């Protein structure tokens, strides 16, 4: 609950600061940034880089839930953070279309120390790196505000550890899935921007990556949901 509150506070702070910072924007430049006579979509085109931080929640998908026992842990919560790069192009006065890539990691983890059988699909787990590549489509509500939707491919890694009988084993689980999301972007000054975004990911395939010379496992089906609410700040060139 503390993590959820912190993420919401961060998002709220960004939402409050965006209009104030936008008011400090310099007059229109030769590139047309901030010039009302220029297509609003132009203000959201070009190469961009950004940082990401927010709330991360994972849980077993609905087809795997065991809802009859409240003591069984089925979810992970933490903070997601990382960075991304993208490129957007203006299509007409209001629309933008672009491609983006992102690399993040997460503090979400679960230590199975309550004596209950391990029933979370991914096992005793700590969330690791998450790689994403996809596309987004935006609509410029004004020269300073863009609404957008996004979607693409995500590959997440989970670090697993089991202990029993005085022995311990470590392995990695690489998972494949898809992501969809939506957000709002606010232009800050001539080149900066801030974003608030929600995204949902679903991982449907997995593969165990063993240490040493042990070969990887075959691919298998799984069902794991991921919900994230993130805030971003970045620069557009």
C-alpha atoms as a PDB file:
ATOM      1  CA  UNK A   1       0.000   0.000   0.000  1.00  0.00           C
ATOM      2  CA  UNK A   2       2.902   2.360   0.756  1.00  0.00           C
ATOM      3  CA  UNK A   3       4.329   1.735  -2.730  1.00  0.00           C
ATOM      4  CA  UNK A   4       0.961   2.447  -4.355  1.00  0.00           C
ATOM      5  CA  UNK A   5       0.642   5.677  -2.379  1.00  0.00           C
ATOM      6  CA  UNK A   6       4.184   6.748  -3.298  1.00  0.00           C
ATOM      7  CA  UNK A   7       3.546   6.115  -6.984  1.00  0.00           C
ATOM      8  CA  UNK A   8       0.307   8.086  -6.920  1.00  0.00           C
ATOM      9  CA  UNK A   9       1.995  10.957  -5.087  1.00  0.00           C
ATOM     10  CA  UNK A  10       4.770  11.025  -7.695  1.00  0.00           C
ATOM     11  CA  UNK A  11       2.270  11.001 -10.536  1.00  0.00           C
ATOM     12  CA  UNK A  12       0.228  13.762  -8.881  1.00  0.00           C
ATOM     13  CA  UNK A  13       3.339  15.879  -8.349  1.00  0.00           C
ATOM     14  CA  UNK A  14       4.226  15.548 -12.015  1.00  0.00           C
ATOM     15  CA  UNK A  15       0.698  16.453 -13.056  1.00  0.00           C
ATOM     16  CA  UNK A  16       0.803  19.590 -10.887  1.00  0.00           C
ATOM     17  CA  UNK A  17       4.280  20.629 -12.031  1.00  0.00           C
ATOM     18  CA  UNK A  18       3.608  20.189 -15.743  1.00  0.00           C
ATOM     19  CA  UNK A  19       1.354  23.257 -16.201  1.00  0.00           C
ATOM     20  CA  UNK A  20       3.667  25.422 -14.069  1.00  0.00           C
ATOM     21  CA  UNK A  21       6.742  24.450 -16.036  1.00  0.00           C
ATOM     22  CA  UNK A  22       4.920  24.808 -19.323  1.00  0.00           C
ATOM     23  CA  UNK A  23       4.109  28.435 -18.479  1.00  0.00           C
ATOM     24  CA  UNK A  24       7.841  29.162 -18.432  1.00  0.00           C
ATOM     25  CA  UNK A  25       8.247  28.087 -22.043  1.00  0.00           C
ATOM     26  CA  UNK A  26      10.354  30.409 -24.178  1.00  0.00           C
ATOM     27  CA  UNK A  27       8.843  32.259 -27.148  1.00  0.00           C
ATOM     28  CA  UNK A  28       8.472  30.444 -30.449  1.00  0.00           C
ATOM     29  CA  UNK A  29      11.721  29.522 -32.138  1.00  0.00           C
ATOM     30  CA  UNK A  30      12.652  29.088 -35.754  1.00  0.00           C
ATOM     31  CA  UNK A  31      11.632  25.432 -35.520  1.00  0.00           C
ATOM     32  CA  UNK A  32       8.087  26.413 -34.612  1.00  0.00           C
ATOM     33  CA  UNK A  33       8.134  24.840 -31.139  1.00  0.00           C
ATOM     34  CA  UNK A  34       5.345  26.467 -29.185  1.00  0.00           C
ATOM     35  CA  UNK A  35       4.090  28.468 -32.192  1.00  0.00           C
ATOM     36  CA  UNK A  36       0.262  28.106 -32.416  1.00  0.00           C
ATOM     37  CA  UNK A  37       0.465  28.617 -36.180  1.00  0.00           C
ATOM     38  CA  UNK A  38       2.473  25.392 -36.513  1.00  0.00           C
ATOM     39  CA  UNK A  39       0.823  21.966 -36.529  1.00  0.00           C
ATOM     40  CA  UNK A  40       0.382  20.892 -32.858  1.00  0.00           C
ATOM     41  CA  UNK A  41       1.616  17.417 -33.753  1.00  0.00           C
ATOM     42  CA  UNK A  42       4.971  18.885 -34.777  1.00  0.00           C
ATOM     43  CA  UNK A  43       5.714  19.637 -31.124  1.00  0.00           C
ATOM     44  CA  UNK A  44       5.684  15.894 -30.378  1.00  0.00           C
ATOM     45  CA  UNK A  45       7.790  14.680 -33.297  1.00  0.00           C
ATOM     46  CA  UNK A  46      11.448  13.733 -33.403  1.00  0.00           C
ATOM     47  CA  UNK A  47      13.895  11.596 -31.443  1.00  0.00           C
ATOM     48  CA  UNK A  48      13.353  11.376 -27.674  1.00  0.00           C
ATOM     49  CA  UNK A  49      14.968   9.834 -24.592  1.00  0.00           C
ATOM     50  CA  UNK A  50      13.336   9.497 -21.179  1.00  0.00           C
ATOM     51  CA  UNK A  51      13.559   8.028 -17.690  1.00  0.00           C
ATOM     52  CA  UNK A  52      10.769   5.932 -16.136  1.00  0.00           C
ATOM     53  CA  UNK A  53       9.728   5.286 -12.517  1.00  0.00           C
ATOM     54  CA  UNK A  54       6.499   4.020 -11.013  1.00  0.00           C
ATOM     55  CA  UNK A  55       4.421   1.291  -9.386  1.00  0.00           C
ATOM     56  CA  UNK A  56       4.779  -2.354 -10.475  1.00  0.00           C
ATOM     57  CA  UNK A  57       2.269  -5.142  -9.716  1.00  0.00           C
ATOM     58  CA  UNK A  58       2.449  -8.756 -10.950  1.00  0.00           C
ATOM     59  CA  UNK A  59       0.084 -11.618 -10.266  1.00  0.00           C
ATOM     60  CA  UNK A  60      -1.001 -14.965 -11.601  1.00  0.00           C
ATOM     61  CA  UNK A  61      -3.527 -14.688 -14.417  1.00  0.00           C
ATOM     62  CA  UNK A  62      -7.191 -15.439 -13.815  1.00  0.00           C
ATOM     63  CA  UNK A  63      -6.888 -18.962 -15.230  1.00  0.00           C
ATOM     64  CA  UNK A  64      -4.335 -19.837 -12.545  1.00  0.00           C
ATOM     65  CA  UNK A  65      -5.730 -18.061  -9.496  1.00  0.00           C
ATOM     66  CA  UNK A  66      -6.423 -19.971  -6.291  1.00  0.00           C
ATOM     67  CA  UNK A  67      -8.927 -17.650  -4.675  1.00  0.00           C
ATOM     68  CA  UNK A  68     -10.166 -20.070  -1.997  1.00  0.00           C
ATOM     69  CA  UNK A  69      -7.160 -19.579   0.286  1.00  0.00           C
ATOM     70  CA  UNK A  70      -6.300 -16.013   1.330  1.00  0.00           C
ATOM     71  CA  UNK A  71      -2.973 -17.167   2.831  1.00  0.00           C
ATOM     72  CA  UNK A  72      -1.512 -18.184  -0.522  1.00  0.00           C
ATOM     73  CA  UNK A  73       0.670 -15.461  -2.011  1.00  0.00           C
ATOM     74  CA  UNK A  74      -0.058 -14.845  -5.689  1.00  0.00           C
ATOM     75  CA  UNK A  75       1.235 -11.333  -6.351  1.00  0.00           C
ATOM     76  CA  UNK A  76       4.383  -9.198  -6.302  1.00  0.00           C
ATOM     77  CA  UNK A  77       4.596  -5.433  -5.762  1.00  0.00           C
ATOM     78  CA  UNK A  78       7.487  -3.037  -6.161  1.00  0.00           C
ATOM     79  CA  UNK A  79       8.962  -0.030  -7.939  1.00  0.00           C
ATOM     80  CA  UNK A  80       9.792  -0.164 -11.651  1.00  0.00           C
ATOM     81  CA  UNK A  81      12.521   2.129 -12.997  1.00  0.00           C
ATOM     82  CA  UNK A  82      14.617   2.489 -16.135  1.00  0.00           C
ATOM     83  CA  UNK A  83      14.740   4.423 -19.385  1.00  0.00           C
ATOM     84  CA  UNK A  84      13.579   4.493 -22.981  1.00  0.00           C
ATOM     85  CA  UNK A  85      14.167   5.901 -26.444  1.00  0.00           C
ATOM     86  CA  UNK A  86      11.710   6.656 -29.218  1.00  0.00           C
ATOM     87  CA  UNK A  87      10.987   8.449 -32.437  1.00  0.00           C
ATOM     88  CA  UNK A  88       7.666  10.055 -33.407  1.00  0.00           C
ATOM     89  CA  UNK A  89       6.534  11.614 -36.676  1.00  0.00           C
ATOM     90  CA  UNK A  90       3.660  14.060 -37.234  1.00  0.00           C
ATOM     91  CA  UNK A  91       0.861  12.841 -39.492  1.00  0.00           C
ATOM     92  CA  UNK A  92      -1.190  15.878 -40.413  1.00  0.00           C
ATOM     93  CA  UNK A  93      -2.008  18.560 -37.846  1.00  0.00           C
ATOM     94  CA  UNK A  94      -2.980  16.398 -34.865  1.00  0.00           C
ATOM     95  CA  UNK A  95      -1.816  12.792 -35.233  1.00  0.00           C
ATOM     96  CA  UNK A  96       1.569  11.291 -34.453  1.00  0.00           C
ATOM     97  CA  UNK A  97       2.905   7.794 -34.996  1.00  0.00           C
ATOM     98  CA  UNK A  98       6.124   6.428 -33.614  1.00  0.00           C
ATOM     99  CA  UNK A  99       8.298   3.563 -32.404  1.00  0.00           C
ATOM    100  CA  UNK A 100       9.820   3.147 -28.957  1.00  0.00           C
ATOM    101  CA  UNK A 101      12.043   0.839 -26.927  1.00  0.00           C
ATOM    102  CA  UNK A 102      12.476   0.600 -23.164  1.00  0.00           C
ATOM    103  CA  UNK A 103      14.614  -1.243 -20.623  1.00  0.00           C
ATOM    104  CA  UNK A 104      13.547  -1.364 -16.966  1.00  0.00           C
ATOM    105  CA  UNK A 105      14.066  -3.379 -13.815  1.00  0.00           C
ATOM    106  CA  UNK A 106      11.929  -3.764 -10.700  1.00  0.00           C
ATOM    107  CA  UNK A 107      12.194  -4.161  -6.943  1.00  0.00           C
ATOM    108  CA  UNK A 108       9.159  -6.508  -6.880  1.00  0.00           C
ATOM    109  CA  UNK A 109       9.935  -9.778  -5.086  1.00  0.00           C
ATOM    110  CA  UNK A 110       8.470 -12.503  -2.930  1.00  0.00           C
ATOM    111  CA  UNK A 111      10.196 -14.642  -0.294  1.00  0.00           C
ATOM    112  CA  UNK A 112       8.188 -17.780   0.412  1.00  0.00           C
ATOM    113  CA  UNK A 113       8.739 -17.997   4.158  1.00  0.00           C
ATOM    114  CA  UNK A 114       5.189 -18.544   5.430  1.00  0.00           C
ATOM    115  CA  UNK A 115       5.140 -22.337   5.102  1.00  0.00           C
ATOM    116  CA  UNK A 116       2.531 -22.312   2.375  1.00  0.00           C
ATOM    117  CA  UNK A 117       3.144 -24.306  -0.827  1.00  0.00           C
ATOM    118  CA  UNK A 118       4.644 -22.242  -3.598  1.00  0.00           C
ATOM    119  CA  UNK A 119       1.716 -21.586  -5.926  1.00  0.00           C
ATOM    120  CA  UNK A 120       2.693 -18.356  -7.687  1.00  0.00           C
ATOM    121  CA  UNK A 121       3.126 -19.413 -11.324  1.00  0.00           C
ATOM    122  CA  UNK A 122       6.656 -18.088 -11.585  1.00  0.00           C
ATOM    123  CA  UNK A 123       7.816 -19.696  -8.379  1.00  0.00           C
ATOM    124  CA  UNK A 124       9.814 -18.073  -5.570  1.00  0.00           C
ATOM    125  CA  UNK A 125      10.777 -15.021  -7.480  1.00  0.00           C
ATOM    126  CA  UNK A 126      12.345 -11.588  -7.863  1.00  0.00           C
ATOM    127  CA  UNK A 127      11.448  -9.533 -10.916  1.00  0.00           C
ATOM    128  CA  UNK A 128      14.456  -8.701 -13.089  1.00  0.00           C
ATOM    129  CA  UNK A 129      15.008  -6.778 -16.291  1.00  0.00           C
ATOM    130  CA  UNK A 130      12.152  -6.108 -18.697  1.00  0.00           C
ATOM    131  CA  UNK A 131      12.733  -5.247 -22.361  1.00  0.00           C
ATOM    132  CA  UNK A 132      10.000  -3.665 -24.465  1.00  0.00           C
ATOM    133  CA  UNK A 133       9.689  -2.646 -28.121  1.00  0.00           C
ATOM    134  CA  UNK A 134       6.537  -1.296 -29.707  1.00  0.00           C
ATOM    135  CA  UNK A 135       4.649   1.489 -31.400  1.00  0.00           C
ATOM    136  CA  UNK A 136       2.433   4.344 -30.262  1.00  0.00           C
ATOM    137  CA  UNK A 137      -0.179   6.604 -31.822  1.00  0.00           C
ATOM    138  CA  UNK A 138      -0.863  10.055 -30.405  1.00  0.00           C
ATOM    139  CA  UNK A 139      -3.421  12.824 -30.757  1.00  0.00           C
ATOM    140  CA  UNK A 140      -2.326  16.402 -29.990  1.00  0.00           C
ATOM    141  CA  UNK A 141      -5.078  18.003 -27.915  1.00  0.00           C
ATOM    142  CA  UNK A 142      -3.110  21.264 -28.049  1.00  0.00           C
ATOM    143  CA  UNK A 143       0.449  22.379 -28.896  1.00  0.00           C
ATOM    144  CA  UNK A 144       1.441  21.280 -25.371  1.00  0.00           C
ATOM    145  CA  UNK A 145      -0.660  18.183 -24.630  1.00  0.00           C
ATOM    146  CA  UNK A 146      -0.653  14.794 -26.357  1.00  0.00           C
ATOM    147  CA  UNK A 147      -2.859  11.794 -25.598  1.00  0.00           C
ATOM    148  CA  UNK A 148      -1.528   8.447 -26.827  1.00  0.00           C
ATOM    149  CA  UNK A 149      -2.013   4.692 -26.889  1.00  0.00           C
ATOM    150  CA  UNK A 150       0.752   2.124 -27.280  1.00  0.00           C
ATOM    151  CA  UNK A 151       1.372  -1.567 -27.766  1.00  0.00           C
ATOM    152  CA  UNK A 152       4.123  -4.052 -28.499  1.00  0.00           C
ATOM    153  CA  UNK A 153       6.312  -6.950 -27.385  1.00  0.00           C
ATOM    154  CA  UNK A 154       7.774  -7.414 -23.903  1.00  0.00           C
ATOM    155  CA  UNK A 155      10.371  -9.873 -22.608  1.00  0.00           C
ATOM    156  CA  UNK A 156      10.703 -10.058 -18.827  1.00  0.00           C
ATOM    157  CA  UNK A 157      13.193 -12.009 -16.732  1.00  0.00           C
ATOM    158  CA  UNK A 158      12.527 -13.405 -13.265  1.00  0.00           C
ATOM    159  CA  UNK A 159      15.242 -14.632 -10.917  1.00  0.00           C
ATOM    160  CA  UNK A 160      14.193 -17.794  -9.054  1.00  0.00           C
ATOM    161  CA  UNK A 161      15.685 -19.425  -5.995  1.00  0.00           C
ATOM    162  CA  UNK A 162      14.632 -22.604  -4.201  1.00  0.00           C
ATOM    163  CA  UNK A 163      15.980 -24.010  -0.959  1.00  0.00           C
ATOM    164  CA  UNK A 164      15.392 -27.385   0.622  1.00  0.00           C
ATOM    165  CA  UNK A 165      17.255 -30.210   2.297  1.00  0.00           C
ATOM    166  CA  UNK A 166      20.250 -27.990   2.859  1.00  0.00           C
ATOM    167  CA  UNK A 167      20.572 -27.331  -0.883  1.00  0.00           C
ATOM    168  CA  UNK A 168      19.744 -24.261  -2.931  1.00  0.00           C
ATOM    169  CA  UNK A 169      19.259 -23.763  -6.650  1.00  0.00           C
ATOM    170  CA  UNK A 170      19.180 -20.576  -8.699  1.00  0.00           C
ATOM    171  CA  UNK A 171      17.819 -20.159 -12.188  1.00  0.00           C
ATOM    172  CA  UNK A 172      16.308 -17.531 -14.452  1.00  0.00           C
ATOM    173  CA  UNK A 173      12.930 -17.576 -16.144  1.00  0.00           C
ATOM    174  CA  UNK A 174      12.666 -15.636 -19.401  1.00  0.00           C
ATOM    175  CA  UNK A 175       9.121 -14.832 -20.471  1.00  0.00           C
ATOM    176  CA  UNK A 176       7.540 -13.471 -23.650  1.00  0.00           C
ATOM    177  CA  UNK A 177       4.346 -11.465 -23.862  1.00  0.00           C
ATOM    178  CA  UNK A 178       2.575  -8.364 -25.100  1.00  0.00           C
ATOM    179  CA  UNK A 179       1.947  -4.917 -23.649  1.00  0.00           C
ATOM    180  CA  UNK A 180      -0.762  -2.304 -24.175  1.00  0.00           C
ATOM    181  CA  UNK A 181      -1.049   1.098 -22.548  1.00  0.00           C
ATOM    182  CA  UNK A 182      -2.202   4.693 -22.673  1.00  0.00           C
ATOM    183  CA  UNK A 183      -0.935   7.985 -21.354  1.00  0.00           C
ATOM    184  CA  UNK A 184      -0.679  11.744 -21.544  1.00  0.00           C
ATOM    185  CA  UNK A 185       2.413  13.716 -22.534  1.00  0.00           C
ATOM    186  CA  UNK A 186       2.950  17.365 -21.663  1.00  0.00           C
ATOM    187  CA  UNK A 187       5.541  19.549 -23.398  1.00  0.00           C
ATOM    188  CA  UNK A 188       7.911  21.328 -21.001  1.00  0.00           C
ATOM    189  CA  UNK A 189       9.860  24.249 -22.417  1.00  0.00           C
ATOM    190  CA  UNK A 190      11.240  23.907 -25.923  1.00  0.00           C
ATOM    191  CA  UNK A 191      12.587  20.378 -25.694  1.00  0.00           C
ATOM    192  CA  UNK A 192      11.476  18.739 -22.430  1.00  0.00           C
ATOM    193  CA  UNK A 193       8.383  16.649 -21.726  1.00  0.00           C
ATOM    194  CA  UNK A 194       6.663  14.781 -18.914  1.00  0.00           C
ATOM    195  CA  UNK A 195       4.394  11.734 -19.142  1.00  0.00           C
ATOM    196  CA  UNK A 196       1.981   9.821 -16.957  1.00  0.00           C
ATOM    197  CA  UNK A 197       1.185   6.363 -18.277  1.00  0.00           C
ATOM    198  CA  UNK A 198      -0.662   3.155 -17.428  1.00  0.00           C
ATOM    199  CA  UNK A 199       0.346  -0.098 -19.096  1.00  0.00           C
ATOM    200  CA  UNK A 200      -0.764  -3.727 -18.888  1.00  0.00           C
ATOM    201  CA  UNK A 201       1.455  -6.674 -19.850  1.00  0.00           C
ATOM    202  CA  UNK A 202       0.573 -10.349 -20.194  1.00  0.00           C
ATOM    203  CA  UNK A 203       3.263 -13.026 -20.328  1.00  0.00           C
ATOM    204  CA  UNK A 204       2.154 -16.216 -22.067  1.00  0.00           C
ATOM    205  CA  UNK A 205       5.364 -18.178 -22.768  1.00  0.00           C
ATOM    206  CA  UNK A 206       8.380 -18.984 -20.603  1.00  0.00           C
ATOM    207  CA  UNK A 207      11.728 -20.773 -20.633  1.00  0.00           C
ATOM    208  CA  UNK A 208      14.050 -21.721 -17.773  1.00  0.00           C
ATOM    209  CA  UNK A 209      17.647 -20.566 -18.179  1.00  0.00           C
ATOM    210  CA  UNK A 210      19.864 -22.757 -16.002  1.00  0.00           C
ATOM    211  CA  UNK A 211      23.348 -21.936 -14.770  1.00  0.00           C
ATOM    212  CA  UNK A 212      26.593 -23.670 -15.774  1.00  0.00           C
ATOM    213  CA  UNK A 213      26.380 -26.077 -18.712  1.00  0.00           C
ATOM    214  CA  UNK A 214      22.823 -27.243 -18.118  1.00  0.00           C
ATOM    215  CA  UNK A 215      20.767 -26.611 -21.293  1.00  0.00           C
ATOM    216  CA  UNK A 216      17.755 -24.316 -21.186  1.00  0.00           C
ATOM    217  CA  UNK A 217      14.339 -25.870 -20.785  1.00  0.00           C
ATOM    218  CA  UNK A 218      11.807 -26.098 -23.547  1.00  0.00           C
ATOM    219  CA  UNK A 219       9.269 -23.303 -23.896  1.00  0.00           C
ATOM    220  CA  UNK A 220       6.046 -23.698 -21.936  1.00  0.00           C
ATOM    221  CA  UNK A 221       2.802 -21.801 -21.426  1.00  0.00           C
ATOM    222  CA  UNK A 222       2.102 -19.554 -18.451  1.00  0.00           C
ATOM    223  CA  UNK A 223      -0.345 -16.787 -17.568  1.00  0.00           C
ATOM    224  CA  UNK A 224       1.020 -13.816 -15.658  1.00  0.00           C
ATOM    225  CA  UNK A 225      -0.414 -10.290 -15.567  1.00  0.00           C
ATOM    226  CA  UNK A 226       1.530  -7.080 -14.968  1.00  0.00           C
ATOM    227  CA  UNK A 227       0.048  -3.676 -14.160  1.00  0.00           C
ATOM    228  CA  UNK A 228       2.198  -0.538 -14.019  1.00  0.00           C
ATOM    229  CA  UNK A 229       1.524   3.151 -13.408  1.00  0.00           C
ATOM    230  CA  UNK A 230       4.613   5.191 -14.288  1.00  0.00           C
ATOM    231  CA  UNK A 231       5.803   8.788 -14.587  1.00  0.00           C
ATOM    232  CA  UNK A 232       8.451   9.848 -17.107  1.00  0.00           C
ATOM    233  CA  UNK A 233      10.518  12.915 -17.895  1.00  0.00           C
ATOM    234  CA  UNK A 234      12.608  13.286 -21.017  1.00  0.00           C
ATOM    235  CA  UNK A 235      14.050  15.361 -23.816  1.00  0.00           C
ATOM    236  CA  UNK A 236      12.968  15.534 -27.453  1.00  0.00           C
ATOM    237  CA  UNK A 237      15.542  16.527 -30.081  1.00  0.00           C
END
